[in-house]
Protein backbone atom coordinates (compact mmCIF):
# COMPACT_ATOMS: atom_id res chain seq x y z
CA UNK A 1 0.00 0.00 0.00
CA UNK A 2 1.28 3.38 -0.93
CA UNK A 3 1.79 5.97 1.85
CA UNK A 4 1.07 9.57 1.02
CA UNK A 5 3.75 12.21 1.65
CA UNK A 6 1.65 13.74 4.42
CA UNK A 7 1.27 10.39 6.15
CA UNK A 8 4.97 9.70 5.83
CA UNK A 9 5.73 13.05 7.42
CA UNK A 10 3.34 12.29 10.27
CA UNK A 11 5.09 8.96 10.89
CA UNK A 12 8.51 10.58 10.97
CA UNK A 13 7.36 13.26 13.37
CA UNK A 14 5.69 10.71 15.63
CA UNK A 15 8.84 8.59 15.63
CA UNK A 16 10.99 11.61 16.52
CA UNK A 17 8.67 12.62 19.35
CA UNK A 18 8.64 9.10 20.74
CA UNK A 19 12.42 8.97 20.60
CA UNK A 20 12.70 12.30 22.39
CA UNK A 21 10.14 11.23 25.01
CA UNK A 22 12.06 8.06 25.74
CA UNK A 23 15.32 9.91 26.34
CA UNK A 24 14.31 13.29 27.74
CA UNK A 25 14.70 12.12 31.35
CA UNK A 26 18.27 10.95 30.83
CA UNK A 27 20.94 12.85 32.68
CA UNK A 28 21.58 16.15 30.95
CA UNK A 29 25.22 15.86 31.97
CA UNK A 30 25.48 12.67 29.95
CA UNK A 31 24.06 14.46 26.91
CA UNK A 32 26.46 17.37 27.26
CA UNK A 33 29.41 15.09 27.82
CA UNK A 34 28.72 13.29 24.61
CA UNK A 35 28.87 16.51 22.57
CA UNK A 36 31.28 18.84 24.39
CA UNK A 37 34.31 17.55 22.51
CA UNK A 38 32.67 18.85 19.34
CA UNK A 39 32.41 22.47 20.69
CA UNK A 40 35.71 24.26 19.96
CA UNK A 41 35.30 27.00 22.60
CA UNK A 42 33.42 25.13 25.32
CA UNK A 43 35.22 25.07 28.66
CA UNK A 44 37.70 27.81 27.73
CA UNK A 45 36.02 30.60 29.73
CA UNK A 46 37.93 31.30 32.93
CA UNK A 47 36.22 30.48 36.20
CA UNK A 48 37.69 33.73 37.62
CA UNK A 49 34.51 35.54 36.71
CA UNK A 50 35.34 38.52 38.93
CA UNK A 51 37.92 39.42 36.29
CA UNK A 52 35.42 39.49 33.44
CA UNK A 53 34.74 42.93 31.90
CA UNK A 54 32.65 44.14 29.01
CA UNK A 55 34.61 45.29 25.99
CA UNK A 56 31.91 47.83 25.20
CA UNK A 57 31.73 50.85 22.96
CA UNK A 58 33.41 53.08 25.55
CA UNK A 59 36.71 51.21 25.31
CA UNK A 60 37.71 53.29 22.32
CA UNK A 61 41.19 52.09 21.46
CA UNK A 62 40.83 53.88 18.14
CA UNK A 63 40.93 57.24 19.97
CA UNK A 64 44.41 56.66 21.35
CA UNK A 65 46.96 58.33 19.11
CA UNK A 66 44.29 60.64 17.64
CA UNK A 67 44.82 64.31 18.49
CA UNK A 68 42.01 66.60 19.65
CA UNK A 69 43.96 69.76 18.82
CA UNK A 70 42.76 70.43 15.26
CA UNK A 71 39.16 69.82 16.32
CA UNK A 72 39.54 72.25 19.24
CA UNK A 73 41.05 74.92 17.01
CA UNK A 74 38.16 74.57 14.58
CA UNK A 75 35.64 74.98 17.39
CA UNK A 76 37.49 78.07 18.62
CA UNK A 77 37.36 79.58 15.12
CA UNK A 78 33.61 78.99 14.99
CA UNK A 79 32.94 80.30 18.52
CA UNK A 80 32.09 84.01 18.46
CA UNK A 81 32.99 84.49 22.13
CA UNK A 82 36.46 83.03 21.67
CA UNK A 83 36.94 85.33 18.72
CA UNK A 84 35.91 88.36 20.75
CA UNK A 85 38.39 87.44 23.47
CA UNK A 86 41.15 86.90 20.91
CA UNK A 87 40.47 90.31 19.38
CA UNK A 88 40.51 91.99 22.79
CA UNK A 89 43.80 90.26 23.60
CA UNK A 90 45.34 91.74 20.46
CA UNK A 91 44.05 95.20 21.30
CA UNK A 92 44.94 95.60 24.99
CA UNK A 93 47.05 92.56 25.92
CA UNK A 94 46.83 90.23 28.92
CA UNK A 95 47.65 92.93 31.48
CA UNK A 96 45.02 95.24 30.09
CA UNK A 97 42.44 92.46 30.09
CA UNK A 98 43.20 91.61 33.73
CA UNK A 99 42.77 95.25 34.72
CA UNK A 100 39.48 95.52 32.82
CA UNK A 101 38.22 92.27 34.34
CA UNK A 102 39.03 93.48 37.85
CA UNK A 103 37.14 96.72 37.19
CA UNK A 104 34.05 94.79 36.05
CA UNK A 105 33.99 92.78 39.28
CA UNK A 106 34.50 95.92 41.35
CA UNK A 107 31.64 97.75 39.62
CA UNK A 108 29.36 94.78 40.28
CA UNK A 109 30.29 94.75 43.98
CA UNK A 110 29.91 98.54 44.27
CA UNK A 111 26.38 98.22 42.89
CA UNK A 112 25.69 95.63 45.58
CA UNK A 113 27.22 97.81 48.30
CA UNK A 114 29.91 95.21 49.11
CA UNK A 115 33.28 96.45 50.41
CA UNK A 116 36.70 95.04 49.53
CA UNK A 117 37.32 91.40 50.34
CA UNK A 118 39.54 92.16 53.35
CA UNK A 119 37.06 94.69 54.73
CA UNK A 120 34.28 92.15 54.22
CA UNK A 121 36.26 89.52 56.15
CA UNK A 122 36.83 91.97 58.99
CA UNK A 123 33.11 92.69 59.26
CA UNK A 124 32.11 89.02 59.13
CA UNK A 125 34.82 87.54 61.33
CA UNK A 126 35.71 90.33 63.72
CA UNK A 127 32.42 92.24 63.84
CA UNK A 128 31.38 95.68 62.64
CA UNK A 129 32.72 97.28 65.82
CA UNK A 130 36.22 95.98 65.22
CA UNK A 131 38.98 98.60 65.28
CA UNK A 132 40.49 96.97 62.19
CA UNK A 133 38.66 97.98 59.03
CA UNK A 134 40.59 95.49 56.93
CA UNK A 135 41.53 91.97 57.97
CA UNK A 136 44.91 90.55 56.95
CA UNK A 137 45.33 86.85 56.18
CA UNK A 138 48.66 85.38 57.27
CA UNK A 139 50.74 82.81 55.46
CA UNK A 140 51.57 79.50 57.16
CA UNK A 141 54.37 77.07 56.40
CA UNK A 142 54.21 76.03 52.76
CA UNK A 143 52.70 72.57 52.42
CA UNK A 144 51.69 72.69 48.74
CA UNK A 145 53.97 73.65 45.87
CA UNK A 146 51.86 74.21 42.79
CA UNK A 147 53.64 74.52 39.46
CA UNK A 148 51.98 75.69 36.26
CA UNK A 149 54.31 74.22 33.65
CA UNK A 150 52.68 75.90 30.64
CA UNK A 151 49.45 77.08 29.01
CA UNK A 152 49.32 74.90 25.90
CA UNK A 153 46.31 72.55 25.98
CA UNK A 154 44.48 70.28 23.54
CA UNK A 155 41.17 71.66 24.85
CA UNK A 156 39.66 75.13 25.35
CA UNK A 157 37.11 74.71 28.15
CA UNK A 158 34.44 77.35 28.69
CA UNK A 159 35.14 77.64 32.44
CA UNK A 160 38.96 77.78 32.17
CA UNK A 161 40.42 80.46 34.45
CA UNK A 162 43.86 79.96 32.86
CA UNK A 163 42.78 80.77 29.28
CA UNK A 164 44.58 77.63 28.07
CA UNK A 165 44.09 76.39 24.52
CA UNK A 166 46.00 74.97 21.53
CA UNK A 167 47.01 78.50 20.50
CA UNK A 168 48.90 79.23 23.76
CA UNK A 169 52.61 78.41 23.56
CA UNK A 170 53.91 79.68 26.91
CA UNK A 171 55.89 76.94 28.67
CA UNK A 172 58.39 76.50 31.51
CA UNK A 173 62.13 76.32 30.85
CA UNK A 174 64.46 73.60 32.17
CA UNK A 175 66.25 76.20 34.30
CA UNK A 176 63.08 77.30 36.08
CA UNK A 177 61.95 73.68 36.52
CA UNK A 178 65.30 72.81 38.12
CA UNK A 179 64.98 75.73 40.56
CA UNK A 180 61.47 74.61 41.51
CA UNK A 181 62.91 71.19 42.34
CA UNK A 182 65.66 72.79 44.40
CA UNK A 183 63.03 74.70 46.40
CA UNK A 184 61.12 71.45 46.89
CA UNK A 185 64.28 69.90 48.32
CA UNK A 186 64.99 72.90 50.55
CA UNK A 187 61.44 73.27 51.91
CA UNK A 188 60.82 70.17 54.06
CA UNK A 189 57.31 71.34 55.05
CA UNK A 190 56.02 70.59 51.52
CA UNK A 191 53.86 67.46 51.40
CA UNK A 192 52.16 67.97 48.03
CA UNK A 193 53.53 68.81 44.59
CA UNK A 194 50.60 69.95 42.45
CA UNK A 195 51.40 70.11 38.72
CA UNK A 196 48.97 71.98 36.50
CA UNK A 197 48.70 73.73 33.13
CA UNK A 198 47.31 73.87 30.35
CA UNK A 199 47.55 70.21 29.86
CA UNK A 200 50.62 69.72 32.06
CA UNK A 201 51.52 66.39 30.48
CA UNK A 202 52.02 68.11 27.11
CA UNK A 203 54.68 70.46 28.48
CA UNK A 204 58.33 69.64 27.95
CA UNK A 205 59.27 69.77 31.64
CA UNK A 206 56.41 67.66 33.02
CA UNK A 207 58.14 64.28 33.09
CA UNK A 208 61.42 65.79 34.23
CA UNK A 209 59.72 67.43 37.22
CA UNK A 210 57.74 64.31 38.14
CA UNK A 211 60.64 61.86 37.96
CA UNK A 212 63.09 64.15 39.75
CA UNK A 213 60.57 65.06 42.45
CA UNK A 214 59.93 61.35 43.09
CA UNK A 215 63.68 60.82 43.54
CA UNK A 216 64.10 63.87 45.79
CA UNK A 217 61.05 63.18 47.95
CA UNK A 218 59.88 59.54 47.63
CA UNK A 219 57.12 60.22 50.16
CA UNK A 220 55.58 63.29 48.52
CA UNK A 221 52.10 63.31 46.98
CA UNK A 222 52.59 64.25 43.32
CA UNK A 223 49.34 65.48 41.75
CA UNK A 224 48.72 65.67 38.02
CA UNK A 225 45.80 67.95 37.07
CA UNK A 226 44.71 65.85 34.12
CA UNK A 227 42.06 66.65 31.52
CA UNK A 228 41.87 62.92 30.59
CA UNK A 229 41.83 63.45 26.81
CA UNK A 230 45.57 64.10 26.89
CA UNK A 231 46.08 60.34 27.31
CA UNK A 232 45.01 59.91 23.68
CA UNK A 233 47.27 62.55 22.17
CA UNK A 234 50.04 61.33 19.80
CA UNK A 235 53.29 60.91 21.72
CA UNK A 236 51.48 60.10 24.97
CA UNK A 237 51.13 56.37 24.33
CA UNK A 238 53.27 55.55 27.38
CA UNK A 239 51.83 58.27 29.63
CA UNK A 240 49.72 55.90 31.75
CA UNK A 241 52.74 53.66 32.35
CA UNK A 242 54.81 56.70 33.36
CA UNK A 243 52.15 57.88 35.82
CA UNK A 244 51.88 54.42 37.34
CA UNK A 245 55.66 54.00 37.65
CA UNK A 246 55.93 57.31 39.54
CA UNK A 247 52.78 56.73 41.60
CA UNK A 248 51.30 60.01 40.42
CA UNK A 249 48.00 61.02 42.01
CA UNK A 250 45.57 61.95 39.22
CA UNK A 251 43.02 64.70 39.77
CA UNK A 252 40.88 64.71 36.64
CA UNK A 253 38.22 67.12 35.45
CA UNK A 254 34.84 65.56 34.66
CA UNK A 255 32.21 68.28 35.11
CA UNK A 256 29.29 65.89 34.67
CA UNK A 257 28.42 62.24 34.07
CA UNK A 258 26.33 63.15 31.00
CA UNK A 259 27.72 63.62 27.51
CA UNK A 260 25.68 66.74 26.72
CA UNK A 261 26.93 68.75 29.70
CA UNK A 262 30.56 67.70 29.36
CA UNK A 263 30.70 68.44 25.64
CA UNK A 264 28.96 71.77 26.14
CA UNK A 265 31.61 72.88 28.64
CA UNK A 266 34.71 71.19 27.27
CA UNK A 267 34.14 70.62 23.55
CA UNK A 268 32.38 68.15 21.26
CA UNK A 269 33.50 64.57 21.67
CA UNK A 270 35.29 65.18 24.96
CA UNK A 271 32.89 63.01 26.97
CA UNK A 272 33.55 59.88 24.89
CA UNK A 273 37.28 60.49 25.13
CA UNK A 274 37.10 61.11 28.88
CA UNK A 275 35.19 57.89 29.55
CA UNK A 276 37.63 55.91 27.41
CA UNK A 277 40.56 57.47 29.27
CA UNK A 278 39.02 56.67 32.67
CA UNK A 279 38.60 53.04 31.63
CA UNK A 280 42.26 52.93 30.58
CA UNK A 281 43.28 54.34 33.97
CA UNK A 282 41.09 51.78 35.75
CA UNK A 283 42.71 49.01 33.70
CA UNK A 284 46.10 50.24 34.95
CA UNK A 285 44.90 50.06 38.56
CA UNK A 286 43.89 53.67 39.15
CA UNK A 287 40.94 54.13 41.49
CA UNK A 288 41.03 50.50 42.59
CA UNK A 289 41.38 49.39 46.17
CA UNK A 290 44.81 48.21 47.26
CA UNK A 291 46.79 49.60 44.31
CA UNK A 292 47.85 52.89 45.92
CA UNK A 293 47.01 54.62 42.62
CA UNK A 294 44.63 57.47 43.44
CA UNK A 295 42.13 58.74 40.87
CA UNK A 296 40.03 61.71 41.97
CA UNK A 297 37.48 63.56 39.87
CA UNK A 298 36.56 67.26 39.91
CA UNK A 299 33.12 68.75 39.30
CA UNK A 300 32.51 72.40 38.61
CA UNK A 301 29.14 73.92 37.63
CA UNK A 302 28.15 74.45 34.02
CA UNK A 303 26.90 77.97 34.72
CA UNK A 304 26.40 80.72 37.29
CA UNK A 305 25.42 78.61 40.28
CA UNK A 306 27.08 76.90 43.23
CA UNK A 307 27.90 73.19 43.21
CA UNK A 308 25.69 70.79 45.17
CA UNK A 309 26.79 68.89 48.28
CA UNK A 310 30.14 67.26 47.59
CA UNK A 311 29.28 64.16 49.62
CA UNK A 312 25.91 63.62 47.92
CA UNK A 313 27.26 64.30 44.44
CA UNK A 314 30.13 61.85 44.95
CA UNK A 315 27.60 59.10 45.71
CA UNK A 316 25.69 59.96 42.52
CA UNK A 317 28.85 60.05 40.38
CA UNK A 318 29.97 56.67 41.69
CA UNK A 319 26.58 55.10 41.09
CA UNK A 320 26.20 56.40 37.52
CA UNK A 321 29.79 55.80 36.39
CA UNK A 322 29.82 52.28 37.84
CA UNK A 323 26.43 51.31 36.43
CA UNK A 324 26.84 52.83 32.96
CA UNK A 325 30.57 52.40 32.30
CA UNK A 326 32.01 50.10 35.00
CA UNK A 327 34.25 52.99 36.13
CA UNK A 328 35.56 53.38 39.68
CA UNK A 329 37.39 56.29 41.32
CA UNK A 330 38.42 57.41 44.80
CA UNK A 331 37.01 60.86 45.58
CA UNK A 332 34.98 63.63 43.97
CA UNK A 333 35.80 67.28 44.64
CA UNK A 334 33.30 70.04 43.92
CA UNK A 335 34.71 73.43 42.95
CA UNK A 336 33.01 76.82 42.78
CA UNK A 337 33.64 78.49 39.44
CA UNK A 338 35.94 81.45 40.02
CA UNK A 339 34.96 84.78 38.42
CA UNK A 340 38.31 84.91 36.63
CA UNK A 341 39.34 85.09 32.96
CA UNK A 342 37.17 83.03 30.58
CA UNK A 343 34.37 82.49 33.10
CA UNK A 344 34.20 86.23 33.85
CA UNK A 345 33.82 86.90 30.13
CA UNK A 346 31.09 84.26 30.01
CA UNK A 347 29.16 85.98 32.82
CA UNK A 348 29.71 89.55 31.62
CA UNK A 349 28.46 88.87 28.10
CA UNK A 350 25.28 87.37 29.55
CA UNK A 351 24.82 90.26 31.98
CA UNK A 352 25.14 87.77 34.87
CA UNK A 353 28.33 89.00 36.56
CA UNK A 354 26.58 91.13 39.18
CA UNK A 355 24.17 88.34 40.06
CA UNK A 356 27.02 85.84 40.33
CA UNK A 357 29.08 88.11 42.59
CA UNK A 358 25.94 88.58 44.71
CA UNK A 359 25.56 84.80 44.88
CA UNK A 360 29.14 84.42 46.11
CA UNK A 361 28.80 87.16 48.74
CA UNK A 362 25.45 85.87 50.02
CA UNK A 363 26.89 82.40 50.44
CA UNK A 364 30.02 83.43 52.37
CA UNK A 365 31.11 80.50 54.55
CA UNK A 366 33.43 81.46 57.45
CA UNK A 367 34.51 77.80 57.74
CA UNK A 368 36.40 78.12 54.44
CA UNK A 369 38.77 80.86 55.65
CA UNK A 370 41.19 78.68 57.63
CA UNK A 371 41.62 76.35 54.64
CA UNK A 372 42.12 78.88 51.87
CA UNK A 373 44.86 77.76 49.51
CA UNK A 374 46.73 81.03 49.89
CA UNK A 375 47.48 80.08 53.51
CA UNK A 376 49.69 77.06 52.81
CA UNK A 377 50.27 77.09 49.03
CA UNK A 378 52.79 78.77 46.77
CA UNK A 379 51.90 78.79 43.08
CA UNK A 380 54.70 79.12 40.52
CA UNK A 381 54.04 80.37 37.00
CA UNK A 382 55.71 79.03 33.87
CA UNK A 383 58.02 82.09 33.94
CA UNK A 384 59.14 81.42 37.54
CA UNK A 385 57.11 84.17 39.22
CA UNK A 386 55.59 83.18 42.57
CA UNK A 387 51.98 83.73 43.66
CA UNK A 388 49.67 83.12 46.61
CA UNK A 389 47.39 80.90 44.53
CA UNK A 390 46.60 79.78 41.01
CA UNK A 391 43.93 82.47 40.62
CA UNK A 392 46.28 85.29 41.61
CA UNK A 393 48.72 83.84 39.11
CA UNK A 394 46.29 84.28 36.25
CA UNK A 395 45.65 87.90 37.27
CA UNK A 396 49.36 88.73 37.60
CA UNK A 397 49.32 89.40 41.36
CA UNK A 398 52.91 88.41 42.08
CA UNK A 399 54.10 87.94 45.68
CA UNK A 400 56.30 90.83 46.75
CA UNK A 401 54.94 93.39 44.29
CA UNK A 402 54.25 96.78 45.83
CA UNK A 403 50.60 97.44 45.04
CA UNK A 404 47.83 95.25 43.68
CA UNK A 405 46.41 98.21 41.75
CA UNK A 406 49.55 98.48 39.64
CA UNK A 407 50.06 94.84 38.80
CA UNK A 408 47.83 94.77 35.74
CA UNK A 409 49.99 97.53 34.29
CA UNK A 410 53.46 96.45 35.31
CA UNK A 411 54.61 93.07 36.56
CA UNK A 412 56.81 93.17 39.65
CA UNK A 413 57.57 90.91 42.53
CA UNK A 414 59.54 87.76 43.34
CA UNK A 415 60.57 84.72 41.34
CA UNK A 416 61.87 81.29 42.33
CA UNK A 417 65.40 82.65 42.01
CA UNK A 418 64.85 85.27 44.72
CA UNK A 419 64.32 82.79 47.57
CA UNK A 420 66.18 79.81 49.04
CA UNK A 421 63.08 78.24 50.61
CA UNK A 422 59.38 78.73 49.99
CA UNK A 423 58.99 79.56 53.67
CA UNK A 424 61.07 82.69 53.03
CA UNK A 425 57.80 84.10 51.64
CA UNK A 426 56.12 84.11 55.06
CA UNK A 427 57.22 87.72 55.49
CA UNK A 428 55.18 88.77 52.44
CA UNK A 429 51.48 89.57 52.98
CA UNK A 430 48.86 87.54 51.14
CA UNK A 431 47.27 89.46 48.28
CA UNK A 432 43.48 89.36 48.21
CA UNK A 433 41.12 91.02 45.78
CA UNK A 434 37.49 90.89 44.69
CA UNK A 435 37.80 87.50 42.94
CA UNK A 436 38.54 85.94 46.35
CA UNK A 437 34.83 85.82 47.19
CA UNK A 438 34.77 82.68 45.05
CA UNK A 439 37.03 80.80 47.48
CA UNK A 440 34.83 81.57 50.50
CA UNK A 441 31.39 80.84 49.00
CA UNK A 442 29.65 77.59 49.79
CA UNK A 443 32.22 74.81 50.12
CA UNK A 444 34.86 77.04 48.51
CA UNK A 445 37.16 76.65 45.53
CA UNK A 446 40.48 76.00 47.27
């Protein structure tokens, strides 16, 4: 008897089902064992699953060796505010711009009825009935030596108080770097060497200073103020290895955990590069427990407002970066934006400078005064001039100059070659001016 195709198919299916039914309760281990030799990759996955990581889209190896400089220059050319600043720089120079900037802040404070910073401190800390109309802050032993090794940078951030960018070529000489190291050796009270820029790693003297400082003071905390994207610049392929070998403490700027906010403040594409760089640092041991390699992040506001609680924001940063990117770090520092240089221009052009100065004054925090950086820090410029802080450096307020009013017109004061120890500067008064309200507002900016 002939069997139709449909019947034959039914028989085959029934036979297959019966066969499956008869064997489905056999040990699954027996079934796997019989086939595992035919699977070329079975059993090769390590049982050390705590070491497994996702090679996701943020591990952008293609970015390493690719410069950001040309892209930054193009953005600067297309940014009307950068062009206005560049034109003003040509017309009146850096000294003239510093003088004009100081006058803008003073006019804003006069409108608000706020006295000078030192008079304000006297009123707040000593009382309105105090015989002293102006309070003087006194220098302590120098614990932090901050060195600005140059202004060249692969970025041009909107909040930058240093006015760094790819078009700045000022950089520190070997002679000045050597004298800074001599002062480090001759000032035993120093516990921290804070290296900044520009992008400090792109300056010629950066590695010389780091390696020599580590030899001179094996115990010192060497800080690199890193913008993260510098790790991907051509010629910096071995930078992470160098930082690890010298146990350099990285303090990196990441003004938000969202791409939109970071790129708005620091340039298009910077967020992707920053995340990729953080992953590379994590892979090298930075931010991980037990390695001794410290990775701290810095937040500063996008606009004219104070940062939120540092403790609460650190928790949020750690949650988001761990969940979204598998990134870990040690601490988060929140910084108040200082009304200096590029950020002052930003505020003035939006008619927000007076409101921002009012915000700083209204949020004066007396607890910040004892920890102001000018108390225990000496900041050295790329040209060897010495300053009370990084902000005074950008305004040209050199230690030892005769009058703060004259400094925007004529640079005077001391250099690293005029002293044998940084504690020799204790006889020089600290210079304060109207930008200093930024360091005493909220949690401060020191």
